[in-house]
């Protein structure tokens, strides 16, 4: 067991809701702060700095570069956040900090993962992505049924989203064969073909049921370790069953349990491989008295070293 990495942590709020097609995720960063994400990390011995909430860069004219028949709703503001996020995440990682992105919808990963990909490239190491989500998010502007950009981030940071001009065309990309998706249970028909064609590693809920979380995580962590990779973890609220965490606008029944999620986080902590983290799709407007925000904070605590014997008893 590896001692938890005490790399200083930087919190970056991302009040982005325009990628989801539903209002409310803009309140996610505030809800996570109220739930005590900074306090919990500090109690675990980490030096925590809060960079505040990110503001999108001004962006114009990207629509003219889209392929015919493409749709990407709220492209300008998502692109503005992507540029700002790529720069902020890269800067934090390059300064020796571990960035935690407080979302905000999952379109934010277009920027956070791209920033980490640039950082990994500069260090001569590959970037792996652990995608904990009900959805594969491998749609492009040409294949998306809705045009909502929170369904496109994986395709984007793998270079397959048909969204030119947001970031430089020659930027470092993530090899889709180094993307590991766990908990998947809602995939569009064309998206399923794209995921298979590009070699994304998918452990759907049947795999989670049959193999168990521990076996899956051992496979993933062994792959990262074998290549001396950096690991970005992207945790969507809807990875969890909606009975566990209702505060999300894209609920899909049959998700991961509370214990499965904690085991994954504990194994990630033991590995010492995690270099960055997204906490996304929290919609406090849909939550039950802050339940989902508290669970995300507890999972973050597990990822950063809290053990079962450390857990306080909470009154109902």
Protein backbone atom coordinates (compact mmCIF):
# COMPACT_ATOMS: atom_id res chain seq x y z
CA UNK A 1 0.00 0.00 0.00
CA UNK A 2 1.38 3.39 -1.04
CA UNK A 3 1.26 6.25 1.44
CA UNK A 4 -1.28 8.87 0.21
CA UNK A 5 0.39 11.43 -2.01
CA UNK A 6 0.64 14.74 -0.16
CA UNK A 7 0.97 16.84 -3.30
CA UNK A 8 -0.58 20.27 -2.62
CA UNK A 9 -4.15 20.51 -3.88
CA UNK A 10 -5.65 23.36 -5.89
CA UNK A 11 -9.43 23.69 -6.10
CA UNK A 12 -10.74 25.27 -9.30
CA UNK A 13 -14.45 26.07 -9.46
CA UNK A 14 -16.10 25.66 -12.86
CA UNK A 15 -19.62 27.17 -12.86
CA UNK A 16 -20.52 25.68 -16.24
CA UNK A 17 -24.04 24.49 -17.00
CA UNK A 18 -24.35 25.35 -20.69
CA UNK A 19 -22.91 22.01 -21.79
CA UNK A 20 -25.72 20.07 -20.17
CA UNK A 21 -28.83 21.67 -21.65
CA UNK A 22 -30.25 22.03 -18.14
CA UNK A 23 -29.79 24.74 -15.57
CA UNK A 24 -28.43 24.14 -12.08
CA UNK A 25 -24.86 22.82 -12.43
CA UNK A 26 -23.62 26.39 -12.14
CA UNK A 27 -24.26 26.00 -8.39
CA UNK A 28 -22.13 22.86 -8.12
CA UNK A 29 -18.84 24.50 -7.06
CA UNK A 30 -20.54 26.41 -4.26
CA UNK A 31 -22.34 23.29 -3.04
CA UNK A 32 -19.08 21.32 -2.89
CA UNK A 33 -17.41 24.10 -0.94
CA UNK A 34 -20.35 24.29 1.48
CA UNK A 35 -20.11 20.50 1.89
CA UNK A 36 -16.55 21.03 3.08
CA UNK A 37 -14.28 19.70 0.34
CA UNK A 38 -11.47 22.05 1.41
CA UNK A 39 -11.87 21.26 5.11
CA UNK A 40 -11.84 17.49 4.59
CA UNK A 41 -8.66 17.63 2.51
CA UNK A 42 -6.98 19.89 5.06
CA UNK A 43 -7.92 17.47 7.86
CA UNK A 44 -6.19 14.72 5.87
CA UNK A 45 -2.97 16.73 5.92
CA UNK A 46 -3.06 18.35 2.50
CA UNK A 47 -2.15 21.93 1.78
CA UNK A 48 -5.22 23.26 -0.02
CA UNK A 49 -5.54 26.43 -2.04
CA UNK A 50 -8.77 27.58 -3.64
CA UNK A 51 -8.33 29.41 -6.95
CA UNK A 52 -11.95 30.53 -6.93
CA UNK A 53 -14.34 30.13 -9.83
CA UNK A 54 -13.02 30.21 -13.36
CA UNK A 55 -14.34 32.70 -15.90
CA UNK A 56 -14.62 31.71 -19.57
CA UNK A 57 -12.43 33.40 -22.15
CA UNK A 58 -14.29 35.39 -24.84
CA UNK A 59 -14.70 33.30 -27.99
CA UNK A 60 -16.31 34.18 -31.32
CA UNK A 61 -16.75 32.69 -34.76
CA UNK A 62 -16.27 28.99 -34.05
CA UNK A 63 -19.61 28.04 -35.61
CA UNK A 64 -18.31 28.74 -39.11
CA UNK A 65 -15.74 25.95 -38.71
CA UNK A 66 -18.26 23.25 -37.81
CA UNK A 67 -18.86 20.47 -40.34
CA UNK A 68 -22.16 20.51 -42.26
CA UNK A 69 -25.12 19.20 -40.23
CA UNK A 70 -23.11 19.51 -37.02
CA UNK A 71 -24.65 20.83 -33.83
CA UNK A 72 -22.94 21.99 -30.68
CA UNK A 73 -25.20 23.98 -28.39
CA UNK A 74 -23.73 26.96 -26.51
CA UNK A 75 -20.46 26.41 -28.34
CA UNK A 76 -18.97 29.83 -27.58
CA UNK A 77 -19.29 29.67 -23.79
CA UNK A 78 -18.22 26.00 -23.58
CA UNK A 79 -15.23 26.85 -25.77
CA UNK A 80 -14.42 29.81 -23.52
CA UNK A 81 -14.44 27.62 -20.43
CA UNK A 82 -12.42 24.94 -22.26
CA UNK A 83 -9.63 27.40 -23.08
CA UNK A 84 -9.57 28.83 -19.57
CA UNK A 85 -9.66 25.36 -18.01
CA UNK A 86 -6.92 23.95 -20.21
CA UNK A 87 -4.64 26.79 -19.16
CA UNK A 88 -5.57 26.70 -15.45
CA UNK A 89 -5.27 22.92 -15.12
CA UNK A 90 -1.95 22.87 -16.95
CA UNK A 91 -0.60 25.71 -14.83
CA UNK A 92 -1.59 24.03 -11.55
CA UNK A 93 -0.11 20.67 -12.53
CA UNK A 94 3.08 22.28 -13.85
CA UNK A 95 3.48 24.09 -10.52
CA UNK A 96 3.52 20.75 -8.70
CA UNK A 97 -0.09 20.88 -7.54
CA UNK A 98 -2.93 18.41 -7.93
CA UNK A 99 -5.88 20.18 -9.56
CA UNK A 100 -9.42 19.32 -8.46
CA UNK A 101 -12.07 20.73 -10.78
CA UNK A 102 -15.32 21.51 -8.99
CA UNK A 103 -18.10 21.30 -11.56
CA UNK A 104 -20.10 22.20 -13.37
CA UNK A 105 -21.24 19.85 -16.13
CA UNK A 106 -19.06 17.24 -17.80
CA UNK A 107 -18.16 19.46 -20.75
CA UNK A 108 -15.52 20.90 -18.39
CA UNK A 109 -13.40 17.79 -19.00
CA UNK A 110 -12.72 19.06 -22.51
CA UNK A 111 -10.45 21.60 -20.82
CA UNK A 112 -9.23 19.79 -17.72
CA UNK A 113 -8.11 16.63 -19.52
CA UNK A 114 -6.57 18.65 -22.36
CA UNK A 115 -4.54 20.64 -19.83
CA UNK A 116 -3.35 17.45 -18.17
CA UNK A 117 -2.52 15.93 -21.57
CA UNK A 118 -0.25 18.90 -22.29
CA UNK A 119 1.36 18.56 -18.86
CA UNK A 120 1.90 14.81 -19.33
CA UNK A 121 3.38 15.36 -22.79
CA UNK A 122 5.87 17.89 -21.41
CA UNK A 123 6.94 15.33 -18.81
CA UNK A 124 7.32 12.61 -21.43
CA UNK A 125 4.63 10.44 -19.84
CA UNK A 126 1.30 9.16 -21.20
CA UNK A 127 -1.98 10.37 -19.74
CA UNK A 128 -4.62 7.82 -18.76
CA UNK A 129 -8.23 8.78 -17.99
CA UNK A 130 -10.55 6.93 -15.61
CA UNK A 131 -14.09 7.93 -16.60
CA UNK A 132 -16.60 7.09 -13.84
CA UNK A 133 -19.93 7.81 -15.50
CA UNK A 134 -23.23 6.37 -16.69
CA UNK A 135 -22.46 7.75 -20.17
CA UNK A 136 -19.58 7.23 -22.60
CA UNK A 137 -19.58 10.91 -23.71
CA UNK A 138 -17.96 9.97 -27.03
CA UNK A 139 -20.38 11.88 -29.27
CA UNK A 140 -19.15 14.41 -31.80
CA UNK A 141 -20.87 17.52 -33.12
CA UNK A 142 -21.92 15.39 -36.10
CA UNK A 143 -23.21 12.34 -34.21
CA UNK A 144 -24.77 13.84 -31.06
CA UNK A 145 -28.56 13.35 -30.98
CA UNK A 146 -29.02 16.40 -28.73
CA UNK A 147 -26.10 18.70 -29.51
CA UNK A 148 -25.42 19.02 -25.77
CA UNK A 149 -21.67 19.32 -25.35
CA UNK A 150 -21.45 17.46 -22.05
CA UNK A 151 -21.85 14.36 -24.22
CA UNK A 152 -18.70 15.16 -26.25
CA UNK A 153 -15.69 15.59 -23.92
CA UNK A 154 -14.10 12.15 -24.36
CA UNK A 155 -14.31 12.42 -28.15
CA UNK A 156 -12.86 15.94 -27.87
CA UNK A 157 -9.77 15.16 -25.82
CA UNK A 158 -9.16 12.09 -28.01
CA UNK A 159 -9.32 14.33 -31.11
CA UNK A 160 -12.57 12.91 -32.50
CA UNK A 161 -15.25 15.50 -31.70
CA UNK A 162 -15.24 17.58 -34.93
CA UNK A 163 -14.95 20.81 -32.93
CA UNK A 164 -12.14 22.77 -34.63
CA UNK A 165 -10.67 25.98 -33.27
CA UNK A 166 -11.43 25.57 -29.58
CA UNK A 167 -7.84 24.51 -28.81
CA UNK A 168 -4.83 24.24 -31.15
CA UNK A 169 -5.08 21.40 -33.66
CA UNK A 170 -1.57 20.21 -32.75
CA UNK A 171 -2.28 19.94 -29.01
CA UNK A 172 -1.44 16.70 -27.18
CA UNK A 173 -4.35 14.26 -27.32
CA UNK A 174 -5.31 11.27 -25.20
CA UNK A 175 -5.02 7.88 -26.87
CA UNK A 176 -8.55 6.41 -26.61
CA UNK A 177 -6.95 3.07 -25.70
CA UNK A 178 -5.79 4.77 -22.50
CA UNK A 179 -9.35 5.78 -21.57
CA UNK A 180 -11.06 3.46 -19.08
CA UNK A 181 -14.79 3.91 -18.58
CA UNK A 182 -16.47 2.30 -15.58
CA UNK A 183 -20.17 2.18 -14.73
CA UNK A 184 -21.42 2.83 -18.27
CA UNK A 185 -25.09 2.05 -18.81
CA UNK A 186 -26.45 4.60 -21.33
CA UNK A 187 -24.79 4.83 -24.76
CA UNK A 188 -26.23 6.12 -28.05
CA UNK A 189 -26.20 3.66 -30.98
CA UNK A 190 -23.68 5.56 -33.12
CA UNK A 191 -21.65 6.40 -30.04
CA UNK A 192 -21.35 2.69 -29.24
CA UNK A 193 -19.81 2.12 -32.67
CA UNK A 194 -17.35 4.99 -32.18
CA UNK A 195 -16.25 3.73 -28.76
CA UNK A 196 -15.61 0.24 -30.13
CA UNK A 197 -13.85 1.51 -33.26
CA UNK A 198 -11.42 3.68 -31.29
CA UNK A 199 -10.59 1.08 -28.67
CA UNK A 200 -11.95 2.79 -25.56
CA UNK A 201 -11.90 0.37 -22.61
CA UNK A 202 -15.46 0.04 -21.30
CA UNK A 203 -16.51 -1.72 -18.10
CA UNK A 204 -20.28 -1.36 -18.11
CA UNK A 205 -22.52 -2.16 -15.17
CA UNK A 206 -22.70 -5.82 -16.18
CA UNK A 207 -18.91 -5.98 -16.01
CA UNK A 208 -19.00 -4.27 -12.63
CA UNK A 209 -21.56 -6.82 -11.41
CA UNK A 210 -19.73 -9.84 -12.81
CA UNK A 211 -16.09 -8.89 -12.15
CA UNK A 212 -16.45 -6.65 -9.13
CA UNK A 213 -14.91 -3.22 -8.63
CA UNK A 214 -11.65 -4.55 -7.18
CA UNK A 215 -10.78 -6.76 -10.17
CA UNK A 216 -11.59 -3.96 -12.62
CA UNK A 217 -9.48 -1.45 -10.73
CA UNK A 218 -6.54 -3.85 -10.52
CA UNK A 219 -6.58 -4.18 -14.31
CA UNK A 220 -6.76 -0.42 -14.87
CA UNK A 221 -4.10 0.49 -12.33
CA UNK A 222 -1.76 -2.19 -13.67
CA UNK A 223 -2.08 -0.68 -17.16
CA UNK A 224 -1.28 2.83 -15.89
CA UNK A 225 1.64 1.62 -13.80
CA UNK A 226 3.09 -0.46 -16.66
CA UNK A 227 3.51 2.68 -18.78
CA UNK A 228 4.47 5.02 -15.92
CA UNK A 229 1.40 7.07 -16.76
CA UNK A 230 -0.33 9.98 -15.13
CA UNK A 231 -3.95 9.29 -14.23
CA UNK A 232 -6.81 11.78 -14.49
CA UNK A 233 -10.00 10.73 -12.69
CA UNK A 234 -13.31 12.17 -13.85
CA UNK A 235 -16.20 11.41 -11.47
CA UNK A 236 -19.74 12.14 -12.64
CA UNK A 237 -22.51 12.10 -10.04
CA UNK A 238 -24.54 9.79 -12.28
CA UNK A 239 -21.87 7.08 -11.93
CA UNK A 240 -23.69 6.41 -8.68
CA UNK A 241 -27.18 5.01 -8.51
CA UNK A 242 -29.71 7.88 -8.27
CA UNK A 243 -30.98 6.41 -5.00
CA UNK A 244 -27.53 7.13 -3.60
CA UNK A 245 -26.94 10.51 -5.26
CA UNK A 246 -30.06 12.15 -6.72
CA UNK A 247 -28.54 15.57 -7.46
CA UNK A 248 -27.96 15.15 -11.18
CA UNK A 249 -29.97 15.98 -14.29
CA UNK A 250 -29.06 12.78 -16.17
CA UNK A 251 -30.19 10.03 -13.82
CA UNK A 252 -29.88 6.45 -15.07
CA UNK A 253 -31.11 3.66 -12.74
CA UNK A 254 -28.83 0.81 -11.80
CA UNK A 255 -25.64 2.69 -11.00
CA UNK A 256 -22.76 1.99 -8.67
CA UNK A 257 -23.37 1.56 -4.96
CA UNK A 258 -21.94 3.71 -2.19
CA UNK A 259 -19.49 0.97 -1.23
CA UNK A 260 -18.37 0.23 -4.80
CA UNK A 261 -17.57 3.89 -5.30
CA UNK A 262 -15.62 4.10 -2.05
CA UNK A 263 -13.65 0.96 -2.87
CA UNK A 264 -12.64 2.47 -6.23
CA UNK A 265 -11.49 5.65 -4.50
CA UNK A 266 -9.60 3.73 -1.82
CA UNK A 267 -7.77 1.66 -4.44
CA UNK A 268 -6.92 4.80 -6.38
CA UNK A 269 -5.48 6.26 -3.19
CA UNK A 270 -3.44 3.14 -2.50
CA UNK A 271 -1.99 3.27 -6.02
CA UNK A 272 -0.55 6.78 -5.67
CA UNK A 273 -1.14 7.30 -9.40
CA UNK A 274 -3.82 10.01 -9.45
CA UNK A 275 -2.63 13.37 -10.75
CA UNK A 276 -5.93 15.27 -11.20
CA UNK A 277 -9.65 14.99 -10.49
CA UNK A 278 -12.96 16.22 -11.91
CA UNK A 279 -16.12 16.31 -9.76
CA UNK A 280 -18.91 16.94 -12.23
CA UNK A 281 -22.63 17.17 -13.00
CA UNK A 282 -23.67 18.04 -9.45
CA UNK A 283 -26.96 19.91 -9.71
CA UNK A 284 -27.88 21.19 -6.23
CA UNK A 285 -31.31 22.27 -7.49
CA UNK A 286 -32.17 18.58 -7.95
CA UNK A 287 -30.44 17.32 -4.81
CA UNK A 288 -31.94 16.18 -1.52
CA UNK A 289 -30.71 18.58 1.20
CA UNK A 290 -27.13 18.48 -0.04
CA UNK A 291 -26.91 14.66 -0.01
CA UNK A 292 -25.09 14.31 -3.33
CA UNK A 293 -22.61 17.08 -2.55
CA UNK A 294 -21.74 15.41 0.76
CA UNK A 295 -21.25 12.05 -0.95
CA UNK A 296 -18.90 13.59 -3.54
CA UNK A 297 -16.89 15.12 -0.71
CA UNK A 298 -16.77 11.77 1.13
CA UNK A 299 -15.58 10.03 -2.05
CA UNK A 300 -12.92 12.70 -2.45
CA UNK A 301 -11.83 12.03 1.13
CA UNK A 302 -11.46 8.32 0.29
CA UNK A 303 -9.37 9.17 -2.77
CA UNK A 304 -7.06 11.28 -0.60
CA UNK A 305 -6.56 8.82 2.22
CA UNK A 306 -9.48 8.61 4.62
CA UNK A 307 -9.96 5.04 5.78
CA UNK A 308 -13.05 3.18 6.93
CA UNK A 309 -11.92 3.40 10.55
CA UNK A 310 -11.68 7.18 10.23
CA UNK A 311 -15.31 7.68 9.19
CA UNK A 312 -17.48 9.61 11.63
CA UNK A 313 -21.00 8.46 12.44
CA UNK A 314 -23.59 10.90 11.12
CA UNK A 315 -27.05 11.41 12.55
CA UNK A 316 -29.86 10.97 10.02
